[in-house]
Protein backbone atom coordinates (compact mmCIF):
# COMPACT_ATOMS: atom_id res chain seq x y z
CA UNK A 1 -70.61 20.42 21.25
CA UNK A 2 -74.42 20.30 21.47
CA UNK A 3 -76.24 21.18 24.69
CA UNK A 4 -77.12 17.57 25.56
CA UNK A 5 -73.53 16.50 25.01
CA UNK A 6 -72.33 19.27 27.33
CA UNK A 7 -74.90 18.28 29.93
CA UNK A 8 -73.73 14.67 29.84
CA UNK A 9 -70.11 15.76 30.09
CA UNK A 10 -70.84 18.06 33.04
CA UNK A 11 -72.76 15.32 34.88
CA UNK A 12 -69.90 12.86 34.36
CA UNK A 13 -67.27 15.34 35.60
CA UNK A 14 -69.29 16.32 38.67
CA UNK A 15 -69.92 12.67 39.58
CA UNK A 16 -66.18 11.96 39.33
CA UNK A 17 -65.00 15.03 41.27
CA UNK A 18 -68.02 15.25 43.62
CA UNK A 19 -67.57 19.02 43.87
CA UNK A 20 -65.87 21.64 41.69
CA UNK A 21 -65.53 25.37 41.63
CA UNK A 22 -66.89 27.19 38.58
CA UNK A 23 -63.50 28.04 37.08
CA UNK A 24 -62.27 24.44 37.26
CA UNK A 25 -65.44 23.13 35.65
CA UNK A 26 -65.27 25.72 32.89
CA UNK A 27 -61.68 24.75 32.13
CA UNK A 28 -62.68 21.10 31.79
CA UNK A 29 -65.75 21.77 29.62
CA UNK A 30 -64.12 24.59 27.61
CA UNK A 31 -67.18 26.76 27.03
CA UNK A 32 -67.94 30.39 27.78
CA UNK A 33 -69.02 31.36 31.32
CA UNK A 34 -72.48 32.35 30.01
CA UNK A 35 -72.99 28.99 28.29
CA UNK A 36 -71.84 27.07 31.37
CA UNK A 37 -74.20 29.04 33.61
CA UNK A 38 -77.12 28.18 31.32
CA UNK A 39 -76.14 24.52 31.35
CA UNK A 40 -75.86 24.50 35.13
CA UNK A 41 -79.27 26.14 35.48
CA UNK A 42 -80.81 23.38 33.32
CA UNK A 43 -79.04 20.62 35.24
CA UNK A 44 -80.00 22.11 38.58
CA UNK A 45 -83.68 22.20 37.57
CA UNK A 46 -83.54 18.50 36.69
CA UNK A 47 -81.80 17.64 39.98
CA UNK A 48 -78.62 16.40 38.31
CA UNK A 49 -76.37 18.83 40.20
CA UNK A 50 -76.53 21.19 43.17
CA UNK A 51 -75.25 24.73 42.69
CA UNK A 52 -73.50 26.48 45.56
CA UNK A 53 -71.73 29.81 45.75
CA UNK A 54 -68.78 29.58 43.35
CA UNK A 55 -69.26 25.96 42.34
CA UNK A 56 -71.32 22.78 41.93
CA UNK A 57 -71.89 19.60 43.95
CA UNK A 58 -72.82 16.04 43.12
CA UNK A 59 -76.18 15.41 44.87
CA UNK A 60 -74.91 12.03 46.01
CA UNK A 61 -72.03 13.73 47.81
CA UNK A 62 -74.42 15.91 49.79
CA UNK A 63 -76.56 12.95 50.76
CA UNK A 64 -73.50 11.04 51.95
CA UNK A 65 -72.07 13.80 54.14
CA UNK A 66 -71.88 12.73 57.77
CA UNK A 67 -74.49 14.34 60.00
CA UNK A 68 -73.48 16.59 62.88
CA UNK A 69 -74.91 14.15 65.44
CA UNK A 70 -72.81 11.34 63.98
CA UNK A 71 -69.68 13.49 64.09
CA UNK A 72 -70.32 14.34 67.74
CA UNK A 73 -70.18 10.63 68.58
CA UNK A 74 -66.98 9.92 66.63
CA UNK A 75 -63.75 10.18 68.63
CA UNK A 76 -65.65 11.83 71.47
CA UNK A 77 -62.85 11.19 73.97
CA UNK A 78 -60.30 12.83 71.67
CA UNK A 79 -62.62 15.80 71.05
CA UNK A 80 -63.06 16.43 74.77
CA UNK A 81 -59.29 16.22 75.38
CA UNK A 82 -58.60 18.68 72.55
CA UNK A 83 -61.33 20.97 73.86
CA UNK A 84 -59.87 21.09 77.37
CA UNK A 85 -56.37 21.78 76.04
CA UNK A 86 -57.55 24.55 73.70
CA UNK A 87 -59.75 26.20 76.32
CA UNK A 88 -56.74 26.49 78.61
CA UNK A 89 -54.95 28.56 75.94
CA UNK A 90 -57.58 31.34 75.92
CA UNK A 91 -56.52 34.32 78.07
CA UNK A 92 -58.82 36.14 80.49
CA UNK A 93 -60.91 38.89 78.98
CA UNK A 94 -60.63 37.60 75.42
CA UNK A 95 -63.22 37.76 72.67
CA UNK A 96 -63.26 34.29 71.09
CA UNK A 97 -64.78 33.02 67.87
CA UNK A 98 -65.86 29.38 68.12
CA UNK A 99 -66.35 27.54 64.84
CA UNK A 100 -69.33 25.24 64.22
CA UNK A 101 -67.45 21.91 64.08
CA UNK A 102 -68.02 19.15 66.62
CA UNK A 103 -64.59 19.52 68.25
CA UNK A 104 -64.97 23.29 68.48
CA UNK A 105 -68.39 22.78 70.05
CA UNK A 106 -66.78 20.84 72.89
CA UNK A 107 -64.27 23.65 73.41
CA UNK A 108 -67.05 26.21 73.31
CA UNK A 109 -68.96 24.36 76.02
CA UNK A 110 -65.90 24.54 78.27
CA UNK A 111 -65.46 28.25 77.57
CA UNK A 112 -69.10 28.98 78.35
CA UNK A 113 -68.27 28.34 82.00
CA UNK A 114 -65.98 31.37 82.12
CA UNK A 115 -67.50 34.73 83.05
CA UNK A 116 -64.42 36.57 81.80
CA UNK A 117 -64.97 35.75 78.09
CA UNK A 118 -67.05 37.01 75.21
CA UNK A 119 -67.84 34.25 72.73
CA UNK A 120 -68.81 34.81 69.10
CA UNK A 121 -70.22 31.88 67.10
CA UNK A 122 -72.36 30.67 64.21
CA UNK A 123 -72.93 27.28 65.86
CA UNK A 124 -76.59 26.67 66.67
CA UNK A 125 -75.63 23.90 69.10
CA UNK A 126 -73.35 26.24 71.04
CA UNK A 127 -76.08 28.88 71.12
CA UNK A 128 -78.40 26.34 72.73
CA UNK A 129 -75.73 25.33 75.27
CA UNK A 130 -75.22 29.01 76.17
CA UNK A 131 -78.63 29.03 77.91
CA UNK A 132 -76.83 27.36 80.80
CA UNK A 133 -73.48 29.14 80.45
CA UNK A 134 -71.89 32.17 82.08
CA UNK A 135 -69.83 33.70 79.27
CA UNK A 136 -71.33 36.46 77.15
CA UNK A 137 -72.40 35.03 73.78
CA UNK A 138 -72.81 36.92 70.50
CA UNK A 139 -74.66 35.06 67.74
CA UNK A 140 -73.93 35.45 64.03
CA UNK A 141 -77.07 35.33 61.89
CA UNK A 142 -77.43 33.55 58.58
CA UNK A 143 -78.96 30.58 56.79
CA UNK A 144 -79.03 27.28 58.71
CA UNK A 145 -77.04 24.41 57.24
CA UNK A 146 -78.71 21.51 59.03
CA UNK A 147 -76.07 18.87 58.38
CA UNK A 148 -73.55 20.86 60.46
CA UNK A 149 -75.74 23.13 62.58
CA UNK A 150 -73.90 26.17 61.19
CA UNK A 151 -75.32 29.53 60.16
CA UNK A 152 -73.78 30.51 56.82
CA UNK A 153 -74.31 32.77 53.82
CA UNK A 154 -74.26 36.48 53.15
CA UNK A 155 -75.71 37.60 56.48
CA UNK A 156 -73.10 35.66 58.44
CA UNK A 157 -70.25 36.90 56.27
CA UNK A 158 -71.50 40.48 56.50
CA UNK A 159 -71.57 40.36 60.30
CA UNK A 160 -68.06 38.91 60.52
CA UNK A 161 -66.65 41.52 58.13
CA UNK A 162 -67.07 44.28 60.73
CA UNK A 163 -65.96 42.31 63.80
CA UNK A 164 -62.56 41.52 65.26
CA UNK A 165 -61.69 38.81 67.78
CA UNK A 166 -58.70 38.06 69.96
CA UNK A 167 -58.78 34.30 69.31
CA UNK A 168 -60.46 31.99 66.82
CA UNK A 169 -60.98 28.27 67.39
CA UNK A 170 -61.33 26.69 63.95
CA UNK A 171 -62.10 23.11 62.98
CA UNK A 172 -61.09 21.24 59.83
CA UNK A 173 -62.18 18.09 58.03
CA UNK A 174 -58.68 17.42 56.72
CA UNK A 175 -55.12 18.74 56.67
CA UNK A 176 -52.08 18.20 54.50
CA UNK A 177 -48.93 20.19 53.76
CA UNK A 178 -50.87 22.60 51.56
CA UNK A 179 -53.10 23.61 54.45
CA UNK A 180 -56.49 22.95 56.04
CA UNK A 181 -59.69 21.96 54.29
CA UNK A 182 -63.37 21.29 54.87
CA UNK A 183 -66.28 19.70 53.02
CA UNK A 184 -68.46 22.72 52.29
CA UNK A 185 -67.98 25.94 50.34
CA UNK A 186 -70.16 28.17 52.54
CA UNK A 187 -68.48 27.04 55.75
CA UNK A 188 -65.06 27.49 54.15
CA UNK A 189 -65.97 31.13 53.47
CA UNK A 190 -66.83 31.68 57.14
CA UNK A 191 -63.50 30.20 58.20
CA UNK A 192 -61.55 32.34 55.73
CA UNK A 193 -63.17 35.57 56.88
CA UNK A 194 -62.75 34.95 60.61
CA UNK A 195 -59.11 33.94 60.14
CA UNK A 196 -58.52 37.38 58.65
CA UNK A 197 -60.30 39.03 61.59
CA UNK A 198 -58.53 37.17 64.41
CA UNK A 199 -55.31 38.07 66.22
CA UNK A 200 -54.64 34.46 67.23
CA UNK A 201 -55.96 31.47 65.29
CA UNK A 202 -55.97 27.97 66.78
CA UNK A 203 -56.77 24.85 64.77
CA UNK A 204 -58.66 22.09 66.60
CA UNK A 205 -58.46 18.70 64.87
CA UNK A 206 -57.49 15.16 65.81
CA UNK A 207 -54.51 13.42 64.25
CA UNK A 208 -56.71 11.09 62.17
CA UNK A 209 -57.35 14.05 59.84
CA UNK A 210 -53.65 14.69 59.26
CA UNK A 211 -52.46 14.00 55.69
CA UNK A 212 -56.10 13.53 54.67
CA UNK A 213 -57.12 16.60 52.68
CA UNK A 214 -60.82 17.31 52.30
CA UNK A 215 -62.61 18.95 49.37
CA UNK A 216 -62.37 22.70 49.93
CA UNK A 217 -59.13 24.25 51.18
CA UNK A 218 -59.86 27.26 53.35
CA UNK A 219 -56.40 28.20 54.68
CA UNK A 220 -52.69 27.65 54.35
CA UNK A 221 -50.73 26.85 57.50
CA UNK A 222 -49.56 30.46 57.69
CA UNK A 223 -53.08 31.37 58.86
CA UNK A 224 -52.56 29.47 62.13
CA UNK A 225 -50.18 29.86 65.03
CA UNK A 226 -51.27 26.73 66.91
CA UNK A 227 -52.72 23.30 66.24
CA UNK A 228 -54.30 21.47 69.18
CA UNK A 229 -54.69 17.75 68.57
CA UNK A 230 -55.32 14.58 70.56
CA UNK A 231 -51.88 12.98 70.33
CA UNK A 232 -48.41 13.79 69.07
CA UNK A 233 -47.50 13.92 65.43
CA UNK A 234 -44.10 12.58 64.42
CA UNK A 235 -41.10 14.68 65.52
CA UNK A 236 -40.27 15.27 61.85
CA UNK A 237 -43.75 16.62 61.12
CA UNK A 238 -43.73 18.74 64.29
CA UNK A 239 -40.43 20.34 63.23
CA UNK A 240 -41.71 21.00 59.72
CA UNK A 241 -44.90 22.60 61.06
CA UNK A 242 -42.86 24.71 63.49
CA UNK A 243 -40.84 25.96 60.53
CA UNK A 244 -44.15 27.08 59.02
CA UNK A 245 -44.94 28.99 62.22
CA UNK A 246 -47.33 26.46 63.76
CA UNK A 247 -46.85 25.04 67.27
CA UNK A 248 -48.42 21.59 67.76
CA UNK A 249 -50.04 20.98 71.16
CA UNK A 250 -50.92 17.36 71.97
CA UNK A 251 -53.69 16.84 74.53
CA UNK A 252 -52.26 13.46 75.50
């Protein structure tokens, strides 16, 4: 296959899948890793794809991703109910990681009112809110991802690799029986690392995301002990999740 033919094939595949990791794309194109890297470099220069750590994105997918401000406004009542429920599960004296999602932000704002907690985060919005809080706040450095207000990349991962927390409040864009997923590779990496560094991991996500997997899976259900959501899942689903070790807590 000539270079232009490969380029056309790669563009078509990326448009169809919207995002792919490198190994999956290589399997579909059936070329050597070195050849694929050269092709991706050429396509990135022409703006046909966006390269991220471990994979590629369709530029149209990035442009269509919902902004953080828009997500804050969606299901705001449910987010606040989940936040209050989750905050009540954090014991006195705990060190808590708060993820950068909009629901986790609401929980973080509640926790900022407690003097007995140490909060660790990569959420720029939570850092700003901490100016008026009482809890101790530790900020993870990194590169700003504006669409989510999260600090990501090597600096953030390096800082998390040497830290441990008692509890982690983690958001998700989607969940199914395989586990929890999000829309972005860099943020998925942050979630994976902190789940390994936390003694107790709590998922914060409303029921509308259930059975709606997103693009990048970052954890199986075994990574979580609790899921706090806005309303009850079916008794059958609750029993199945309990068998996987996850307790479902409905805020309403």
